Protein backbone atom coordinates (compact mmCIF):
# COMPACT_ATOMS: atom_id res chain seq x y z
CA MET A 1 41.99 61.14 131.96
CA LEU A 2 45.89 60.12 129.59
CA LYS A 3 45.08 59.56 126.41
CA VAL A 4 46.98 56.40 124.61
CA SER A 5 48.40 57.72 122.21
CA ARG A 6 50.79 55.16 120.82
CA LYS A 7 49.36 52.26 118.61
CA ARG A 8 49.51 48.79 119.64
CA LEU A 9 52.46 46.64 119.11
CA SER A 10 50.25 44.18 117.33
CA ASP A 11 48.84 46.78 115.07
CA GLN A 12 52.03 48.31 113.82
CA ILE A 13 53.24 44.55 113.91
CA TYR A 14 50.42 43.70 111.52
CA GLY A 15 51.40 47.65 109.38
CA ILE A 16 54.83 45.97 108.67
CA ILE A 17 54.27 42.65 107.77
CA LYS A 18 51.40 44.09 105.29
CA GLU A 19 54.06 46.63 103.41
CA MET A 20 56.70 43.22 103.47
CA ILE A 21 53.44 41.61 101.13
CA ALA A 22 52.92 45.15 99.19
CA ALA A 23 56.00 44.81 98.43
CA HIS A 24 56.03 41.20 97.25
CA ARG A 25 59.24 40.76 100.00
CA PHE A 26 57.05 36.76 99.94
CA GLN A 27 55.98 34.75 96.54
CA PRO A 28 52.55 33.56 96.10
CA GLY A 29 52.78 30.40 98.06
CA SER A 30 55.82 30.31 100.09
CA ARG A 31 56.41 29.90 103.59
CA VAL A 32 56.77 33.14 106.37
CA ASN A 33 59.21 32.68 108.66
CA ILE A 34 57.03 33.60 112.01
CA GLU A 35 60.66 33.67 114.04
CA GLN A 36 62.36 34.64 111.44
CA ILE A 37 59.85 38.81 111.63
CA THR A 38 59.40 38.28 115.57
CA LYS A 39 63.86 38.68 115.56
CA GLU A 40 63.41 41.68 112.64
CA VAL A 41 60.69 43.50 114.89
CA GLY A 42 61.95 42.89 117.73
CA ALA A 43 58.80 41.75 119.73
CA SER A 44 57.30 39.16 121.31
CA ARG A 45 54.78 35.82 119.76
CA THR A 46 52.29 37.07 120.78
CA PRO A 47 51.56 40.37 119.28
CA VAL A 48 52.92 39.00 116.29
CA TRP A 49 50.45 36.38 116.19
CA GLU A 50 48.00 39.09 116.75
CA ALA A 51 49.29 40.86 113.20
CA VAL A 52 49.35 37.55 111.43
CA HIS A 53 46.06 35.87 112.55
CA ARG A 54 44.41 39.45 111.73
CA LEU A 55 46.12 39.18 107.90
CA MET A 56 45.03 35.24 107.83
CA GLN A 57 41.19 36.80 108.73
CA GLU A 58 41.84 39.24 105.43
CA GLY A 59 42.81 36.12 103.33
CA LEU A 60 46.20 37.37 102.60
CA LEU A 61 48.03 34.65 104.91
CA VAL A 62 47.16 31.00 105.28
CA ASN A 63 47.83 29.22 108.31
CA ILE A 64 48.20 25.05 107.02
CA PRO A 65 48.37 23.13 109.97
CA ASN A 66 51.45 21.12 110.78
CA ARG A 67 52.97 23.40 108.34
CA GLY A 68 53.15 26.72 109.11
CA VAL A 69 52.31 29.77 108.07
CA PHE A 70 52.35 30.64 104.44
CA MET A 71 51.52 33.54 101.60
CA ALA A 72 48.40 32.99 100.65
CA SER A 73 48.15 31.89 96.28
CA LEU A 74 45.54 32.59 94.10
CA THR A 75 43.64 29.81 91.79
CA PRO A 76 42.92 30.70 88.42
CA SER A 77 38.82 30.79 89.17
CA MET A 78 39.58 33.07 92.19
CA ALA A 79 40.91 35.59 90.41
CA LEU A 80 38.30 35.34 87.67
CA GLU A 81 36.23 35.50 90.69
CA LEU A 82 37.73 38.64 92.30
CA TYR A 83 38.04 40.81 88.90
CA THR A 84 34.86 40.38 87.87
CA VAL A 85 33.46 42.10 91.53
CA ARG A 86 36.26 43.92 91.34
CA GLU A 87 35.18 45.44 87.78
CA ALA A 88 31.25 45.74 88.53
CA LEU A 89 32.77 47.69 91.72
CA GLU A 90 35.26 49.56 90.29
CA GLY A 91 32.55 51.41 87.40
CA LEU A 92 30.36 52.60 90.57
CA ALA A 93 33.65 54.21 92.12
CA ALA A 94 34.53 55.93 89.02
CA ARG A 95 30.68 57.17 88.58
CA LEU A 96 30.84 58.18 92.50
CA SER A 97 34.60 60.05 92.34
CA VAL A 98 34.11 62.12 89.38
CA GLN A 99 31.45 64.02 91.47
CA ASN A 100 33.77 64.33 94.43
CA ILE A 101 37.38 63.99 93.48
CA THR A 102 39.08 66.86 94.47
CA ASP A 103 41.56 68.62 91.80
CA GLN A 104 44.81 68.07 94.33
CA ALA A 105 43.55 64.10 93.71
CA ILE A 106 43.13 64.43 89.75
CA VAL A 107 47.02 65.93 90.21
CA ASP A 108 48.28 63.52 92.17
CA MET A 109 46.65 60.30 89.53
CA ALA A 110 48.38 62.36 87.00
CA LYS A 111 51.88 62.23 89.09
CA CYS A 112 51.19 58.20 90.06
CA PHE A 113 50.47 58.05 86.38
CA ALA A 114 53.94 59.72 85.09
CA ALA A 115 55.59 57.59 87.88
CA GLN A 116 53.79 54.45 85.21
CA HIS A 117 55.47 54.83 82.60
CA GLU A 118 59.65 54.49 83.91
CA VAL A 119 58.17 50.70 85.36
CA VAL A 120 56.62 50.33 82.32
CA GLN A 121 59.14 50.11 79.92
CA LYS A 122 61.24 48.20 82.55
CA ALA A 123 59.18 45.28 82.86
CA ASP A 124 59.16 46.30 86.63
CA LEU A 125 56.23 43.99 88.15
CA VAL A 126 56.96 45.14 91.55
CA GLY A 127 57.33 49.01 90.94
CA TYR A 128 53.87 48.57 88.66
CA SER A 129 52.19 47.22 91.25
CA LYS A 130 53.14 49.18 93.80
CA LEU A 131 52.01 52.51 91.70
CA ASP A 132 48.46 50.40 90.29
CA PHE A 133 47.96 49.95 93.86
CA THR A 134 48.43 54.36 94.66
CA PHE A 135 46.15 55.04 91.36
CA HIS A 136 43.15 52.43 91.83
CA SER A 137 43.15 54.06 95.77
CA LEU A 138 43.35 57.30 94.74
CA VAL A 139 40.00 57.02 92.77
CA TYR A 140 38.25 54.24 96.36
CA GLU A 141 39.42 57.17 98.47
CA SER A 142 37.12 60.25 96.25
CA CYS A 143 34.11 57.93 96.03
CA GLY A 144 32.81 59.16 99.11
CA ASN A 145 31.08 55.92 100.25
CA ARG A 146 32.90 54.40 102.96
CA ILE A 147 31.57 50.89 102.38
CA LEU A 148 32.50 50.49 99.03
CA GLN A 149 35.60 51.78 99.77
CA GLU A 150 36.29 49.46 102.16
CA MET A 151 35.25 46.22 99.74
CA LEU A 152 37.55 47.49 97.34
CA GLU A 153 40.56 47.97 99.47
CA SER A 154 39.89 44.39 100.31
CA ILE A 155 39.19 43.09 96.87
CA LYS A 156 42.47 45.17 96.26
CA ASN A 157 44.69 43.36 98.94
CA LYS A 158 43.05 40.03 97.78
CA MET A 159 44.95 40.65 94.44
CA ARG A 160 48.50 41.25 95.93
CA PRO A 161 49.31 37.05 95.65
CA VAL A 162 48.43 36.72 91.95
CA SER A 163 51.44 35.19 90.41
CA LEU A 164 49.98 35.73 87.18
CA HIS A 165 52.76 37.13 84.60
CA ILE A 166 51.04 40.21 83.26
CA THR A 167 54.34 41.63 81.21
CA PRO A 168 52.37 40.72 78.07
CA ILE A 169 50.25 43.61 78.80
CA LEU A 170 51.37 45.88 81.04
CA SER A 171 51.38 48.54 77.79
CA THR A 172 47.67 47.57 77.78
CA LEU A 173 47.10 48.23 81.91
CA TYR A 174 49.27 51.62 81.36
CA GLU A 175 47.38 53.12 78.12
CA ASP A 176 43.95 51.87 80.78
CA HIS A 177 45.12 53.82 83.22
CA ARG A 178 46.06 56.81 80.93
CA LYS A 179 42.09 56.78 79.42
CA ILE A 180 41.48 56.89 83.11
CA LEU A 181 43.00 60.18 84.32
CA GLU A 182 41.81 62.02 80.94
CA ALA A 183 38.13 60.81 82.40
CA PHE A 184 38.75 61.84 85.59
CA LYS A 185 39.95 65.44 83.83
CA ALA A 186 37.01 65.60 81.69
CA ARG A 187 35.07 64.89 84.59
CA SER A 188 32.80 62.28 82.78
CA ALA A 189 31.69 59.10 84.59
CA ASP A 190 30.33 57.52 82.19
CA LEU A 191 34.00 57.84 80.16
CA ALA A 192 35.48 57.18 84.12
CA GLU A 193 33.24 54.03 84.36
CA GLU A 194 34.13 52.42 80.89
CA ALA A 195 37.32 53.27 81.15
CA PHE A 196 37.67 51.03 84.89
CA ARG A 197 35.49 48.23 83.26
CA SER A 198 37.96 48.20 80.23
CA HIS A 199 40.56 47.66 82.40
CA ASN A 200 39.46 44.58 84.27
CA ARG A 201 38.01 43.31 81.45
CA HIS A 202 41.49 43.16 80.29
CA MET A 203 43.13 40.93 82.84
CA ILE A 204 40.16 39.09 83.17
CA ASP A 205 41.46 38.15 79.32
CA GLU A 206 44.49 37.63 80.07
CA ILE A 207 43.68 35.35 82.58
CA ASN A 208 41.61 33.03 80.81
CA LYS A 209 44.41 32.98 78.08
CA HIS A 210 46.98 31.63 80.34
CA LEU A 211 44.04 29.05 81.57
CA GLU A 212 43.76 28.32 77.81
CA GLY A 213 47.54 27.91 76.88
CA ASN A 214 47.99 25.88 80.79
CA LEU A 215 50.03 29.02 81.96
CA TRP A 216 49.04 29.62 84.81
CA LYS A 217 51.96 29.28 87.48
CA GLY A 218 52.88 29.10 91.44
CA VAL A 219 48.93 28.27 91.89
CA ASN A 220 48.36 24.20 92.72
CA GLY A 221 50.37 24.23 96.40
CA LEU A 222 52.54 25.94 98.16
CA ALA A 223 56.68 25.93 98.20
CA GLU A 224 58.41 24.13 100.35
CA ASP A 225 60.95 27.00 101.20
CA ASN A 226 60.75 27.84 104.92
CA THR A 227 62.57 30.91 104.61
CA ILE A 228 61.10 34.76 104.33
CA GLU A 229 61.24 35.69 100.38
CA LYS A 230 63.18 38.48 99.26
CA GLN A 231 61.61 41.08 97.13
CA GLY A 232 60.46 39.71 93.77
CA VAL A 233 57.25 38.83 91.65
CA ALA A 234 56.74 34.87 90.91
CA THR A 235 55.94 34.69 87.34
């Protein structure tokens, strides 16, 4: 019996669009031009729409009748809910990961942390977002609990369209990562859990500051732009 070695075309397109989202190619709330994506990937509409519907199910894209497909935006309350849940789940993941993480994974965490220094100095939100995702994923992958890992990856994906300007606390988040790395090097479950919880609380506090000052941007509607947004982060 012949084995199918190639991925389904819609799976490949799903991966391509998800990489675009990870690279912040779309602004939160901006319209995503499906026809242009179809041309870029050189595929028919059917597999592209299959991929788009999958991303809708994950909450990364939304379809507005008679308007089109848009990059998801987070309301302040949704962001607070996500970080509240993530604090609890990452605390658990930290405890489990300390028991299971390999020396190589800790080396990879250290390399990722070292790379963060430059992007923080430049206040490069796109670069930080990519490295942050990798840093957290290394912990998720080491927790040894597939269900927990899937839940955390899903939450992390939903956080991609956050348009909050986090520049004021980038150095704080960077120092949080330092504490997390040190906890894993020490193989301390207590320190790892507390470092992750503190990391999430810093984001919760920052969101609340933006709410109090009415500084939350790009969440009260959808952009009218009908083109694919170039790489960037709404601030």
